Amino acid sequence: MLFYGGLVPGYILITELHLIDSIWTLVLPGALSWNSWFEGLIYMMDTKNYPLATFLQTVVVQQDFSKMSINPEDMENLSQRTVKAAQIFIGALPILLVYPFLQKYFVKGIVLGAVKE
């Protein structure tokens, strides 16, 4: 399913509230999740305001390297696997940096939800 049922009403609501190209656009529908690239693509008109997932999707799928400073000689040596590997690493980096500080809360939640007899 490419489009979900609330896409058109949500877009109309965002445009009526004049929140296009604003960070609050992504907070309102809950689009700040890691894999949510589509909301950033439809609600952000300026590419400078793209969230991380939308920026990485633009670079990999559309192969738009114009926003990055890469020498033309290096572009010839750049393979698609290298770009996808960089996307995976950059996408996972914020989670890897935050998780050690929040690990105790995850463990506490798992233990709290465990079945006790």
Protein backbone atom coordinates (compact mmCIF):
# COMPACT_ATOMS: atom_id res chain seq x y z
CA MET A 1 0.00 0.00 0.00
CA LEU A 2 1.69 3.16 -1.19
CA PHE A 3 -0.69 5.72 0.29
CA TYR A 4 -2.47 5.43 3.60
CA GLY A 5 -6.00 6.67 4.28
CA GLY A 6 -5.04 9.80 6.17
CA LEU A 7 -2.57 11.18 3.65
CA VAL A 8 -4.85 13.65 1.84
CA PRO A 9 -6.70 14.94 4.95
CA GLY A 10 -3.38 15.21 6.78
CA TYR A 11 -1.82 17.19 3.95
CA ILE A 12 -4.84 19.52 3.80
CA LEU A 13 -4.61 20.04 7.58
CA ILE A 14 -0.89 20.83 7.39
CA THR A 15 -1.39 23.33 4.56
CA GLU A 16 -4.35 25.01 6.31
CA LEU A 17 -2.27 25.42 9.47
CA HIS A 18 0.56 26.91 7.33
CA LEU A 19 3.04 24.39 8.66
CA ILE A 20 4.58 23.35 5.33
CA ASP A 21 8.39 23.44 5.56
CA SER A 22 8.36 23.63 9.36
CA ILE A 23 9.70 21.22 11.98
CA TRP A 24 6.23 21.17 13.55
CA THR A 25 4.97 19.55 10.37
CA LEU A 26 6.86 16.40 11.29
CA VAL A 27 5.85 16.50 14.95
CA LEU A 28 2.09 16.76 14.21
CA PRO A 29 1.65 13.46 12.29
CA GLY A 30 4.35 11.72 14.33
CA ALA A 31 6.77 11.50 11.43
CA LEU A 32 9.93 11.75 13.49
CA SER A 33 10.53 8.01 13.40
CA TRP A 34 13.71 6.67 11.82
CA ASN A 35 12.11 5.00 8.81
CA SER A 36 9.65 7.75 8.02
CA TRP A 37 11.11 9.32 4.89
CA PHE A 38 7.86 9.83 2.97
CA GLU A 39 6.39 12.49 5.28
CA GLY A 40 9.56 14.54 5.06
CA LEU A 41 9.40 14.30 1.29
CA ILE A 42 5.81 15.56 0.97
CA TYR A 43 5.77 18.13 3.80
CA MET A 44 9.19 19.72 3.29
CA MET A 45 9.66 21.85 0.20
CA ASP A 46 13.17 23.04 1.00
CA THR A 47 15.76 20.26 0.87
CA LYS A 48 17.69 21.89 3.73
CA ASN A 49 14.84 20.96 6.09
CA TYR A 50 14.73 17.27 5.19
CA PRO A 51 14.91 14.84 8.11
CA LEU A 52 17.73 12.30 8.08
CA ALA A 53 15.72 9.45 6.54
CA THR A 54 14.41 11.68 3.73
CA PHE A 55 17.86 13.05 2.96
CA LEU A 56 19.36 9.56 2.81
CA GLN A 57 16.50 8.35 0.60
CA THR A 58 17.08 11.27 -1.77
CA VAL A 59 20.79 10.54 -2.01
CA VAL A 60 20.44 6.79 -2.53
CA VAL A 61 17.30 6.41 -4.64
CA GLN A 62 17.53 9.52 -6.76
CA GLN A 63 21.34 9.43 -6.74
CA ASP A 64 21.41 13.16 -6.15
CA PHE A 65 24.94 13.80 -4.92
CA SER A 66 24.77 17.55 -5.63
CA LYS A 67 24.19 18.34 -1.94
CA MET A 68 27.44 16.64 -1.02
CA SER A 69 30.96 17.85 -1.72
CA ILE A 70 32.43 15.02 -3.80
CA ASN A 71 35.12 15.34 -6.45
CA PRO A 72 34.06 14.23 -9.94
CA GLU A 73 36.98 11.80 -10.04
CA ASP A 74 35.73 10.14 -6.85
CA MET A 75 32.24 9.79 -8.31
CA GLU A 76 33.57 7.32 -10.88
CA ASN A 77 34.90 5.04 -8.13
CA LEU A 78 31.74 5.22 -6.02
CA SER A 79 29.66 2.06 -6.20
CA GLN A 80 26.01 1.61 -5.25
CA ARG A 81 26.98 -0.81 -2.46
CA THR A 82 29.23 1.85 -0.93
CA VAL A 83 26.42 4.39 -0.92
CA LYS A 84 23.97 1.94 0.66
CA ALA A 85 26.52 0.91 3.30
CA ALA A 86 27.07 4.57 4.17
CA GLN A 87 23.29 5.06 4.39
CA ILE A 88 22.96 2.17 6.84
CA PHE A 89 25.81 3.44 8.99
CA ILE A 90 24.61 7.05 9.07
CA GLY A 91 21.03 5.95 9.79
CA ALA A 92 22.12 3.72 12.68
CA LEU A 93 24.66 6.14 14.18
CA PRO A 94 22.19 8.26 16.23
CA ILE A 95 20.65 5.12 17.72
CA LEU A 96 24.07 3.71 18.57
CA LEU A 97 25.06 6.95 20.29
CA VAL A 98 21.85 7.29 22.36
CA TYR A 99 21.20 3.64 23.28
CA PRO A 100 23.96 3.24 25.94
CA PHE A 101 22.45 6.12 27.93
CA LEU A 102 18.89 4.76 27.69
CA GLN A 103 19.72 1.06 28.11
CA LYS A 104 18.77 0.97 31.78
CA TYR A 105 15.22 2.08 30.92
CA PHE A 106 14.87 -0.64 28.26
CA VAL A 107 16.04 -3.30 30.71
CA LYS A 108 13.72 -1.99 33.41
CA GLY A 109 10.76 -2.15 30.99
CA ILE A 110 11.60 -5.68 29.92
CA VAL A 111 11.89 -6.87 33.50
CA LEU A 112 8.68 -5.08 34.47
CA GLY A 113 6.77 -6.79 31.64
CA ALA A 114 8.14 -10.25 32.36
CA VAL A 115 5.80 -13.00 33.54
CA LYS A 116 6.27 -13.69 37.23
CA GLU A 117 5.08 -16.79 39.03
